[in-house]
Amino acid sequence: AIIGLSVVYKALDNLGAFQRWFGFQPDTRAATLVFGLFHG
C-alpha cells in the first residue's frame, strides 16, 4: 500500500500539486531514496 502511495506521490509531484496546495516543493531526491527503501 505504501508502494502504491509512492506512485501517487510521484504523479502529484509531476503535476505540481504540492506547490499549488501547500506552497512548497518536497525534496525529490530524498523522496526517491526513501521510497526506494520501501520498495526494497
PDB file of all heavy atoms in Angstrom:
ATOM      1  N   ALA A   1       0.836  -1.198   0.000  1.00  0.00           N
ATOM      2  CA  ALA A   1       0.000   0.000   0.000  1.00  0.00           C
ATOM      3  C   ALA A   1       0.873   1.252   0.000  1.00  0.00           C
ATOM      4  O   ALA A   1       0.590   2.232  -0.694  1.00  0.00           O
ATOM      5  CB  ALA A   1      -0.928  -0.004   1.215  1.00  0.00           C
ATOM      6  N   ILE A   2       1.967   1.210   0.774  1.00  0.00           N
ATOM      7  CA  ILE A   2       2.902   2.336   0.789  1.00  0.00           C
ATOM      8  C   ILE A   2       3.553   2.505  -0.580  1.00  0.00           C
ATOM      9  O   ILE A   2       3.747   3.622  -1.066  1.00  0.00           O
ATOM     10  CB  ILE A   2       3.968   2.131   1.878  1.00  0.00           C
ATOM     11  CG1 ILE A   2       3.317   2.171   3.260  1.00  0.00           C
ATOM     12  CG2 ILE A   2       5.068   3.197   1.780  1.00  0.00           C
ATOM     13  CD1 ILE A   2       4.253   1.819   4.397  1.00  0.00           C
ATOM     14  N   ILE A   3       3.880   1.388  -1.220  1.00  0.00           N
ATOM     15  CA  ILE A   3       4.470   1.460  -2.560  1.00  0.00           C
ATOM     16  C   ILE A   3       3.473   2.063  -3.546  1.00  0.00           C
ATOM     17  O   ILE A   3       3.834   2.855  -4.418  1.00  0.00           O
ATOM     18  CB  ILE A   3       4.941   0.057  -3.004  1.00  0.00           C
ATOM     19  CG1 ILE A   3       6.161  -0.354  -2.173  1.00  0.00           C
ATOM     20  CG2 ILE A   3       5.268   0.026  -4.499  1.00  0.00           C
ATOM     21  CD1 ILE A   3       6.603  -1.783  -2.388  1.00  0.00           C
ATOM     22  N   GLY A   4       2.186   1.709  -3.385  1.00  0.00           N
ATOM     23  CA  GLY A   4       1.161   2.350  -4.206  1.00  0.00           C
ATOM     24  C   GLY A   4       1.125   3.854  -3.962  1.00  0.00           C
ATOM     25  O   GLY A   4       0.974   4.651  -4.900  1.00  0.00           O
ATOM     26  N   LEU A   5       1.281   4.258  -2.702  1.00  0.00           N
ATOM     27  CA  LEU A   5       1.316   5.679  -2.376  1.00  0.00           C
ATOM     28  C   LEU A   5       2.528   6.375  -3.004  1.00  0.00           C
ATOM     29  O   LEU A   5       2.467   7.563  -3.319  1.00  0.00           O
ATOM     30  CB  LEU A   5       1.348   5.869  -0.857  1.00  0.00           C
ATOM     31  CG  LEU A   5       0.025   5.686  -0.122  1.00  0.00           C
ATOM     32  CD1 LEU A   5       0.235   5.808   1.387  1.00  0.00           C
ATOM     33  CD2 LEU A   5      -1.016   6.699  -0.598  1.00  0.00           C
ATOM     34  N   SER A   6       3.631   5.638  -3.174  1.00  0.00           N
ATOM     35  CA  SER A   6       4.802   6.240  -3.815  1.00  0.00           C
ATOM     36  C   SER A   6       4.484   6.622  -5.262  1.00  0.00           C
ATOM     37  O   SER A   6       4.965   7.651  -5.761  1.00  0.00           O
ATOM     38  CB  SER A   6       6.000   5.282  -3.759  1.00  0.00           C
ATOM     39  OG  SER A   6       5.880   4.203  -4.693  1.00  0.00           O
ATOM     40  N   VAL A   7       3.674   5.818  -5.917  1.00  0.00           N
ATOM     41  CA  VAL A   7       3.246   6.129  -7.287  1.00  0.00           C
ATOM     42  C   VAL A   7       2.350   7.364  -7.275  1.00  0.00           C
ATOM     43  O   VAL A   7       2.482   8.266  -8.124  1.00  0.00           O
ATOM     44  CB  VAL A   7       2.525   4.923  -7.919  1.00  0.00           C
ATOM     45  CG1 VAL A   7       2.002   5.280  -9.305  1.00  0.00           C
ATOM     46  CG2 VAL A   7       3.458   3.714  -7.986  1.00  0.00           C
ATOM     47  N   VAL A   8       1.418   7.422  -6.303  1.00  0.00           N
ATOM     48  CA  VAL A   8       0.543   8.587  -6.173  1.00  0.00           C
ATOM     49  C   VAL A   8       1.363   9.849  -5.918  1.00  0.00           C
ATOM     50  O   VAL A   8       1.142  10.894  -6.547  1.00  0.00           O
ATOM     51  CB  VAL A   8      -0.475   8.380  -5.033  1.00  0.00           C
ATOM     52  CG1 VAL A   8      -1.284   9.654  -4.789  1.00  0.00           C
ATOM     53  CG2 VAL A   8      -1.399   7.213  -5.336  1.00  0.00           C
ATOM     54  N   TYR A   9       2.312   9.741  -4.990  1.00  0.00           N
ATOM     55  CA  TYR A   9       3.162  10.889  -4.672  1.00  0.00           C
ATOM     56  C   TYR A   9       3.865  11.420  -5.920  1.00  0.00           C
ATOM     57  O   TYR A   9       3.883  12.629  -6.170  1.00  0.00           O
ATOM     58  CB  TYR A   9       4.208  10.517  -3.616  1.00  0.00           C
ATOM     59  CG  TYR A   9       5.433  11.401  -3.691  1.00  0.00           C
ATOM     60  CD1 TYR A   9       5.429  12.678  -3.153  1.00  0.00           C
ATOM     61  CD2 TYR A   9       6.582  10.973  -4.377  1.00  0.00           C
ATOM     62  CE1 TYR A   9       6.521  13.515  -3.271  1.00  0.00           C
ATOM     63  CE2 TYR A   9       7.681  11.804  -4.503  1.00  0.00           C
ATOM     64  CZ  TYR A   9       7.652  13.075  -3.945  1.00  0.00           C
ATOM     65  OH  TYR A   9       8.731  13.902  -4.090  1.00  0.00           O
ATOM     66  N   LYS A  10       4.474  10.506  -6.686  1.00  0.00           N
ATOM     67  CA  LYS A  10       5.261  10.960  -7.827  1.00  0.00           C
ATOM     68  C   LYS A  10       4.381  11.598  -8.893  1.00  0.00           C
ATOM     69  O   LYS A  10       4.777  12.591  -9.515  1.00  0.00           O
ATOM     70  CB  LYS A  10       6.055   9.792  -8.426  1.00  0.00           C
ATOM     71  CG  LYS A  10       7.175  10.250  -9.355  1.00  0.00           C
ATOM     72  CD  LYS A  10       8.137  11.164  -8.623  1.00  0.00           C
ATOM     73  CE  LYS A  10       8.712  12.236  -9.538  1.00  0.00           C
ATOM     74  NZ  LYS A  10       9.551  13.209  -8.812  1.00  0.00           N
ATOM     75  N   ALA A  11       3.189  11.053  -9.082  1.00  0.00           N
ATOM     76  CA  ALA A  11       2.267  11.655 -10.052  1.00  0.00           C
ATOM     77  C   ALA A  11       1.873  13.061  -9.603  1.00  0.00           C
ATOM     78  O   ALA A  11       1.863  14.008 -10.408  1.00  0.00           O
ATOM     79  CB  ALA A  11       1.035  10.771 -10.217  1.00  0.00           C
ATOM     80  N   LEU A  12       1.542  13.217  -8.320  1.00  0.00           N
ATOM     81  CA  LEU A  12       1.184  14.537  -7.799  1.00  0.00           C
ATOM     82  C   LEU A  12       2.353  15.507  -7.903  1.00  0.00           C
ATOM     83  O   LEU A  12       2.173  16.693  -8.217  1.00  0.00           O
ATOM     84  CB  LEU A  12       0.727  14.416  -6.349  1.00  0.00           C
ATOM     85  CG  LEU A  12      -0.630  13.728  -6.118  1.00  0.00           C
ATOM     86  CD1 LEU A  12      -0.875  13.524  -4.624  1.00  0.00           C
ATOM     87  CD2 LEU A  12      -1.760  14.552  -6.737  1.00  0.00           C
ATOM     88  N   ASP A  13       3.549  15.005  -7.643  1.00  0.00           N
ATOM     89  CA  ASP A  13       4.738  15.845  -7.755  1.00  0.00           C
ATOM     90  C   ASP A  13       4.916  16.329  -9.191  1.00  0.00           C
ATOM     91  O   ASP A  13       5.198  17.510  -9.434  1.00  0.00           O
ATOM     92  CB  ASP A  13       5.958  15.052  -7.293  1.00  0.00           C
ATOM     93  CG  ASP A  13       7.218  15.898  -7.262  1.00  0.00           C
ATOM     94  OD1 ASP A  13       7.164  17.038  -6.772  1.00  0.00           O
ATOM     95  OD2 ASP A  13       8.273  15.423  -7.728  1.00  0.00           O
ATOM     96  N   ASN A  14       4.733  15.424 -10.147  1.00  0.00           N
ATOM     97  CA  ASN A  14       4.866  15.797 -11.558  1.00  0.00           C
ATOM     98  C   ASN A  14       3.797  16.797 -11.983  1.00  0.00           C
ATOM     99  O   ASN A  14       4.017  17.614 -12.892  1.00  0.00           O
ATOM    100  CB  ASN A  14       4.779  14.555 -12.443  1.00  0.00           C
ATOM    101  CG  ASN A  14       6.012  13.680 -12.351  1.00  0.00           C
ATOM    102  OD1 ASN A  14       7.056  14.103 -11.856  1.00  0.00           O
ATOM    103  ND2 ASN A  14       5.909  12.440 -12.812  1.00  0.00           N
ATOM    104  N   LEU A  15       2.637  16.738 -11.333  1.00  0.00           N
ATOM    105  CA  LEU A  15       1.546  17.660 -11.649  1.00  0.00           C
ATOM    106  C   LEU A  15       1.700  19.007 -10.937  1.00  0.00           C
ATOM    107  O   LEU A  15       0.880  19.910 -11.140  1.00  0.00           O
ATOM    108  CB  LEU A  15       0.202  17.031 -11.263  1.00  0.00           C
ATOM    109  CG  LEU A  15      -0.224  15.813 -12.092  1.00  0.00           C
ATOM    110  CD1 LEU A  15      -1.409  15.115 -11.435  1.00  0.00           C
ATOM    111  CD2 LEU A  15      -0.573  16.227 -13.519  1.00  0.00           C
ATOM    112  N   GLY A  16       2.725  19.139 -10.103  1.00  0.00           N
ATOM    113  CA  GLY A  16       2.947  20.382  -9.369  1.00  0.00           C
ATOM    114  C   GLY A  16       1.948  20.609  -8.259  1.00  0.00           C
ATOM    115  O   GLY A  16       1.750  21.750  -7.818  1.00  0.00           O
ATOM    116  N   ALA A  17       1.317  19.539  -7.785  1.00  0.00           N
ATOM    117  CA  ALA A  17       0.242  19.672  -6.805  1.00  0.00           C
ATOM    118  C   ALA A  17       0.738  20.199  -5.464  1.00  0.00           C
ATOM    119  O   ALA A  17       0.044  20.986  -4.807  1.00  0.00           O
ATOM    120  CB  ALA A  17      -0.441  18.319  -6.607  1.00  0.00           C
ATOM    121  N   PHE A  18       1.924  19.798  -5.018  1.00  0.00           N
ATOM    122  CA  PHE A  18       2.405  20.215  -3.707  1.00  0.00           C
ATOM    123  C   PHE A  18       2.677  21.715  -3.651  1.00  0.00           C
ATOM    124  O   PHE A  18       2.410  22.369  -2.641  1.00  0.00           O
ATOM    125  CB  PHE A  18       3.657  19.418  -3.331  1.00  0.00           C
ATOM    126  CG  PHE A  18       3.432  17.941  -3.248  1.00  0.00           C
ATOM    127  CD1 PHE A  18       3.967  17.079  -4.199  1.00  0.00           C
ATOM    128  CD2 PHE A  18       2.654  17.400  -2.234  1.00  0.00           C
ATOM    129  CE1 PHE A  18       3.751  15.710  -4.130  1.00  0.00           C
ATOM    130  CE2 PHE A  18       2.424  16.045  -2.151  1.00  0.00           C
ATOM    131  CZ  PHE A  18       2.967  15.191  -3.108  1.00  0.00           C
ATOM    132  N   GLN A  19       3.190  22.247  -4.740  1.00  0.00           N
ATOM    133  CA  GLN A  19       3.434  23.682  -4.782  1.00  0.00           C
ATOM    134  C   GLN A  19       2.124  24.464  -4.773  1.00  0.00           C
ATOM    135  O   GLN A  19       2.007  25.496  -4.102  1.00  0.00           O
ATOM    136  CB  GLN A  19       4.259  24.035  -6.027  1.00  0.00           C
ATOM    137  CG  GLN A  19       5.699  23.539  -5.965  1.00  0.00           C
ATOM    138  CD  GLN A  19       6.470  23.887  -7.219  1.00  0.00           C
ATOM    139  OE1 GLN A  19       5.923  23.901  -8.321  1.00  0.00           O
ATOM    140  NE2 GLN A  19       7.762  24.143  -7.056  1.00  0.00           N
ATOM    141  N   ARG A  20       1.133  23.981  -5.503  1.00  0.00           N
ATOM    142  CA  ARG A  20      -0.151  24.676  -5.563  1.00  0.00           C
ATOM    143  C   ARG A  20      -0.921  24.557  -4.253  1.00  0.00           C
ATOM    144  O   ARG A  20      -1.549  25.514  -3.796  1.00  0.00           O
ATOM    145  CB  ARG A  20      -1.008  24.123  -6.711  1.00  0.00           C
ATOM    146  CG  ARG A  20      -0.508  24.465  -8.097  1.00  0.00           C
ATOM    147  CD  ARG A  20      -1.605  24.310  -9.137  1.00  0.00           C
ATOM    148  NE  ARG A  20      -2.182  22.975  -9.112  1.00  0.00           N
ATOM    149  CZ  ARG A  20      -1.725  21.937  -9.799  1.00  0.00           C
ATOM    150  NH1 ARG A  20      -0.647  22.091 -10.569  1.00  0.00           N
ATOM    151  NH2 ARG A  20      -2.303  20.759  -9.730  1.00  0.00           N
ATOM    152  N   TRP A  21      -0.895  23.380  -3.660  1.00  0.00           N
ATOM    153  CA  TRP A  21      -1.695  23.133  -2.461  1.00  0.00           C
ATOM    154  C   TRP A  21      -1.038  23.640  -1.184  1.00  0.00           C
ATOM    155  O   TRP A  21      -1.709  24.169  -0.310  1.00  0.00           O
ATOM    156  CB  TRP A  21      -1.971  21.641  -2.314  1.00  0.00           C
ATOM    157  CG  TRP A  21      -2.803  21.042  -3.400  1.00  0.00           C
ATOM    158  CD1 TRP A  21      -3.527  21.714  -4.347  1.00  0.00           C
ATOM    159  CD2 TRP A  21      -2.988  19.643  -3.671  1.00  0.00           C
ATOM    160  NE1 TRP A  21      -4.161  20.830  -5.191  1.00  0.00           N
ATOM    161  CE2 TRP A  21      -3.848  19.548  -4.796  1.00  0.00           C
ATOM    162  CE3 TRP A  21      -2.517  18.481  -3.081  1.00  0.00           C
ATOM    163  CZ2 TRP A  21      -4.237  18.321  -5.325  1.00  0.00           C
ATOM    164  CZ3 TRP A  21      -2.904  17.259  -3.599  1.00  0.00           C
ATOM    165  CH2 TRP A  21      -3.757  17.177  -4.716  1.00  0.00           C
ATOM    166  N   PHE A  22       0.282  23.427  -1.069  1.00  0.00           N
ATOM    167  CA  PHE A  22       0.957  23.711   0.198  1.00  0.00           C
ATOM    168  C   PHE A  22       2.026  24.799   0.088  1.00  0.00           C
ATOM    169  O   PHE A  22       2.590  25.214   1.091  1.00  0.00           O
ATOM    170  CB  PHE A  22       1.588  22.435   0.755  1.00  0.00           C
ATOM    171  CG  PHE A  22       0.622  21.286   0.853  1.00  0.00           C
ATOM    172  CD1 PHE A  22       0.753  20.174   0.030  1.00  0.00           C
ATOM    173  CD2 PHE A  22      -0.422  21.326   1.757  1.00  0.00           C
ATOM    174  CE1 PHE A  22      -0.141  19.113   0.113  1.00  0.00           C
ATOM    175  CE2 PHE A  22      -1.325  20.267   1.861  1.00  0.00           C
ATOM    176  CZ  PHE A  22      -1.190  19.167   1.034  1.00  0.00           C
ATOM    177  N   GLY A  23       2.335  25.214  -1.131  1.00  0.00           N
ATOM    178  CA  GLY A  23       3.301  26.291  -1.318  1.00  0.00           C
ATOM    179  C   GLY A  23       4.743  25.884  -1.136  1.00  0.00           C
ATOM    180  O   GLY A  23       5.605  26.735  -0.908  1.00  0.00           O
ATOM    181  N   PHE A  24       5.045  24.576  -1.220  1.00  0.00           N
ATOM    182  CA  PHE A  24       6.444  24.150  -1.124  1.00  0.00           C
ATOM    183  C   PHE A  24       6.658  22.927  -2.011  1.00  0.00           C
ATOM    184  O   PHE A  24       5.712  22.232  -2.371  1.00  0.00           O
ATOM    185  CB  PHE A  24       6.834  23.834   0.319  1.00  0.00           C
ATOM    186  CG  PHE A  24       6.364  22.482   0.799  1.00  0.00           C
ATOM    187  CD1 PHE A  24       7.213  21.384   0.790  1.00  0.00           C
ATOM    188  CD2 PHE A  24       5.058  22.304   1.241  1.00  0.00           C
ATOM    189  CE1 PHE A  24       6.786  20.135   1.218  1.00  0.00           C
ATOM    190  CE2 PHE A  24       4.622  21.068   1.681  1.00  0.00           C
ATOM    191  CZ  PHE A  24       5.480  19.981   1.673  1.00  0.00           C
ATOM    192  N   GLN A  25       7.933  22.689  -2.346  1.00  0.00           N
ATOM    193  CA  GLN A  25       8.306  21.560  -3.182  1.00  0.00           C
ATOM    194  C   GLN A  25       9.102  20.562  -2.357  1.00  0.00           C
ATOM    195  O   GLN A  25      10.182  20.885  -1.851  1.00  0.00           O
ATOM    196  CB  GLN A  25       9.151  22.026  -4.373  1.00  0.00           C
ATOM    197  CG  GLN A  25       9.744  20.906  -5.212  1.00  0.00           C
ATOM    198  CD  GLN A  25       8.675  20.018  -5.824  1.00  0.00           C
ATOM    199  OE1 GLN A  25       7.712  20.491  -6.398  1.00  0.00           O
ATOM    200  NE2 GLN A  25       8.837  18.710  -5.682  1.00  0.00           N
ATOM    201  N   PRO A  26       8.594  19.331  -2.164  1.00  0.00           N
ATOM    202  CA  PRO A  26       9.366  18.320  -1.425  1.00  0.00           C
ATOM    203  C   PRO A  26      10.701  18.042  -2.112  1.00  0.00           C
ATOM    204  O   PRO A  26      10.840  18.229  -3.323  1.00  0.00           O
ATOM    205  CB  PRO A  26       8.452  17.085  -1.474  1.00  0.00           C
ATOM    206  CG  PRO A  26       7.082  17.610  -1.758  1.00  0.00           C
ATOM    207  CD  PRO A  26       7.290  18.826  -2.613  1.00  0.00           C
ATOM    208  N   ASP A  27      11.670  17.617  -1.342  1.00  0.00           N
ATOM    209  CA  ASP A  27      12.981  17.250  -1.885  1.00  0.00           C
ATOM    210  C   ASP A  27      12.815  15.957  -2.675  1.00  0.00           C
ATOM    211  O   ASP A  27      12.648  14.874  -2.109  1.00  0.00           O
ATOM    212  CB  ASP A  27      13.981  17.056  -0.745  1.00  0.00           C
ATOM    213  CG  ASP A  27      15.400  16.846  -1.243  1.00  0.00           C
ATOM    214  OD1 ASP A  27      15.574  16.273  -2.338  1.00  0.00           O
ATOM    215  OD2 ASP A  27      16.343  17.233  -0.524  1.00  0.00           O
ATOM    216  N   THR A  28      12.845  16.065  -3.993  1.00  0.00           N
ATOM    217  CA  THR A  28      12.569  14.901  -4.840  1.00  0.00           C
ATOM    218  C   THR A  28      13.649  13.832  -4.734  1.00  0.00           C
ATOM    219  O   THR A  28      13.362  12.639  -4.863  1.00  0.00           O
ATOM    220  CB  THR A  28      12.430  15.341  -6.306  1.00  0.00           C
ATOM    221  OG1 THR A  28      13.596  16.084  -6.701  1.00  0.00           O
ATOM    222  CG2 THR A  28      11.199  16.218  -6.489  1.00  0.00           C
ATOM    223  N   ARG A  29      14.881  14.246  -4.475  1.00  0.00           N
ATOM    224  CA  ARG A  29      15.952  13.257  -4.331  1.00  0.00           C
ATOM    225  C   ARG A  29      15.773  12.442  -3.054  1.00  0.00           C
ATOM    226  O   ARG A  29      15.901  11.207  -3.071  1.00  0.00           O
ATOM    227  CB  ARG A  29      17.315  13.949  -4.336  1.00  0.00           C
ATOM    228  CG  ARG A  29      17.713  14.512  -5.698  1.00  0.00           C
ATOM    229  CD  ARG A  29      18.964  15.334  -5.629  1.00  0.00           C
ATOM    230  NE  ARG A  29      18.753  16.553  -4.840  1.00  0.00           N
ATOM    231  CZ  ARG A  29      19.652  17.510  -4.683  1.00  0.00           C
ATOM    232  NH1 ARG A  29      20.853  17.394  -5.241  1.00  0.00           N
ATOM    233  NH2 ARG A  29      19.387  18.592  -3.968  1.00  0.00           N
ATOM    234  N   ALA A  30      15.465  13.127  -1.954  1.00  0.00           N
ATOM    235  CA  ALA A  30      15.248  12.418  -0.696  1.00  0.00           C
ATOM    236  C   ALA A  30      14.036  11.493  -0.803  1.00  0.00           C
ATOM    237  O   ALA A  30      14.058  10.361  -0.312  1.00  0.00           O
ATOM    238  CB  ALA A  30      15.043  13.421   0.444  1.00  0.00           C
ATOM    239  N   ALA A  31      12.971  11.964  -1.455  1.00  0.00           N
ATOM    240  CA  ALA A  31      11.767  11.152  -1.597  1.00  0.00           C
ATOM    241  C   ALA A  31      12.043   9.900  -2.424  1.00  0.00           C
ATOM    242  O   ALA A  31      11.544   8.808  -2.106  1.00  0.00           O
ATOM    243  CB  ALA A  31      10.659  11.975  -2.252  1.00  0.00           C
ATOM    244  N   THR A  32      12.845  10.042  -3.468  1.00  0.00           N
ATOM    245  CA  THR A  32      13.181   8.889  -4.299  1.00  0.00           C
ATOM    246  C   THR A  32      13.953   7.845  -3.511  1.00  0.00           C
ATOM    247  O   THR A  32      13.699   6.636  -3.612  1.00  0.00           O
ATOM    248  CB  THR A  32      14.005   9.332  -5.526  1.00  0.00           C
ATOM    249  OG1 THR A  32      13.248  10.279  -6.286  1.00  0.00           O
ATOM    250  CG2 THR A  32      14.359   8.144  -6.409  1.00  0.00           C
ATOM    251  N   LEU A  33      14.894   8.292  -2.695  1.00  0.00           N
ATOM    252  CA  LEU A  33      15.661   7.373  -1.853  1.00  0.00           C
ATOM    253  C   LEU A  33      14.760   6.692  -0.825  1.00  0.00           C
ATOM    254  O   LEU A  33      14.823   5.465  -0.646  1.00  0.00           O
ATOM    255  CB  LEU A  33      16.784   8.123  -1.143  1.00  0.00           C
ATOM    256  CG  LEU A  33      17.617   7.308  -0.152  1.00  0.00           C
ATOM    257  CD1 LEU A  33      18.339   6.159  -0.848  1.00  0.00           C
ATOM    258  CD2 LEU A  33      18.623   8.217   0.572  1.00  0.00           C
ATOM    259  N   VAL A  34      13.911   7.466  -0.145  1.00  0.00           N
ATOM    260  CA  VAL A  34      13.046   6.919   0.898  1.00  0.00           C
ATOM    261  C   VAL A  34      12.066   5.900   0.315  1.00  0.00           C
ATOM    262  O   VAL A  34      11.883   4.810   0.868  1.00  0.00           O
ATOM    263  CB  VAL A  34      12.283   8.042   1.618  1.00  0.00           C
ATOM    264  CG1 VAL A  34      11.191   7.465   2.516  1.00  0.00           C
ATOM    265  CG2 VAL A  34      13.245   8.897   2.442  1.00  0.00           C
ATOM    266  N   PHE A  35      11.453   6.237  -0.797  1.00  0.00           N
ATOM    267  CA  PHE A  35      10.515   5.288  -1.400  1.00  0.00           C
ATOM    268  C   PHE A  35      11.255   4.071  -1.948  1.00  0.00           C
ATOM    269  O   PHE A  35      10.705   2.974  -2.000  1.00  0.00           O
ATOM    270  CB  PHE A  35       9.688   5.966  -2.490  1.00  0.00           C
ATOM    271  CG  PHE A  35       8.550   6.781  -1.947  1.00  0.00           C
ATOM    272  CD1 PHE A  35       8.414   8.123  -2.261  1.00  0.00           C
ATOM    273  CD2 PHE A  35       7.596   6.199  -1.121  1.00  0.00           C
ATOM    274  CE1 PHE A  35       7.366   8.873  -1.759  1.00  0.00           C
ATOM    275  CE2 PHE A  35       6.543   6.936  -0.609  1.00  0.00           C
ATOM    276  CZ  PHE A  35       6.424   8.285  -0.920  1.00  0.00           C
ATOM    277  N   GLY A  36      12.503   4.254  -2.354  1.00  0.00           N
ATOM    278  CA  GLY A  36      13.311   3.099  -2.746  1.00  0.00           C
ATOM    279  C   GLY A  36      13.493   2.135  -1.589  1.00  0.00           C
ATOM    280  O   GLY A  36      13.439   0.909  -1.765  1.00  0.00           O
ATOM    281  N   LEU A  37      13.660   2.678  -0.376  1.00  0.00           N
ATOM    282  CA  LEU A  37      13.769   1.835   0.816  1.00  0.00           C
ATOM    283  C   LEU A  37      12.499   1.014   1.023  1.00  0.00           C
ATOM    284  O   LEU A  37      12.556  -0.181   1.339  1.00  0.00           O
ATOM    285  CB  LEU A  37      14.038   2.700   2.049  1.00  0.00           C
ATOM    286  CG  LEU A  37      15.375   3.460   2.083  1.00  0.00           C
ATOM    287  CD1 LEU A  37      15.407   4.427   3.258  1.00  0.00           C
ATOM    288  CD2 LEU A  37      16.552   2.492   2.164  1.00  0.00           C
ATOM    289  N   PHE A  38      11.345   1.635   0.831  1.00  0.00           N
ATOM    290  CA  PHE A  38      10.075   0.924   0.983  1.00  0.00           C
ATOM    291  C   PHE A  38       9.903  -0.149  -0.091  1.00  0.00           C
ATOM    292  O   PHE A  38       9.418  -1.245   0.191  1.00  0.00           O
ATOM    293  CB  PHE A  38       8.906   1.909   0.942  1.00  0.00           C
ATOM    294  CG  PHE A  38       8.696   2.659   2.221  1.00  0.00           C
ATOM    295  CD1 PHE A  38       8.943   4.025   2.290  1.00  0.00           C
ATOM    296  CD2 PHE A  38       8.263   2.004   3.368  1.00  0.00           C
ATOM    297  CE1 PHE A  38       8.751   4.721   3.470  1.00  0.00           C
ATOM    298  CE2 PHE A  38       8.068   2.694   4.559  1.00  0.00           C
ATOM    299  CZ  PHE A  38       8.317   4.063   4.607  1.00  0.00           C
ATOM    300  N   HIS A  39      10.294   0.170  -1.325  1.00  0.00           N
ATOM    301  CA  HIS A  39      10.200  -0.819  -2.401  1.00  0.00           C
ATOM    302  C   HIS A  39      11.054  -2.042  -2.068  1.00  0.00           C
ATOM    303  O   HIS A  39      10.655  -3.179  -2.316  1.00  0.00           O
ATOM    304  CB  HIS A  39      10.648  -0.201  -3.731  1.00  0.00           C
ATOM    305  CG  HIS A  39       9.596   0.616  -4.404  1.00  0.00           C
ATOM    306  ND1 HIS A  39       9.020   0.256  -5.602  1.00  0.00           N
ATOM    307  CD2 HIS A  39       9.006   1.777  -4.052  1.00  0.00           C
ATOM    308  CE1 HIS A  39       8.125   1.170  -5.950  1.00  0.00           C
ATOM    309  NE2 HIS A  39       8.108   2.111  -5.031  1.00  0.00           N
ATOM    310  N   GLY A  40      12.238  -1.824  -1.507  1.00  0.00           N
ATOM    311  CA  GLY A  40      13.101  -2.937  -1.135  1.00  0.00           C
ATOM    312  C   GLY A  40      12.510  -3.770  -0.020  1.00  0.00           C
ATOM    313  O   GLY A  40      12.596  -5.005  -0.030  1.00  0.00           O
TER     314      GLY A  40
END
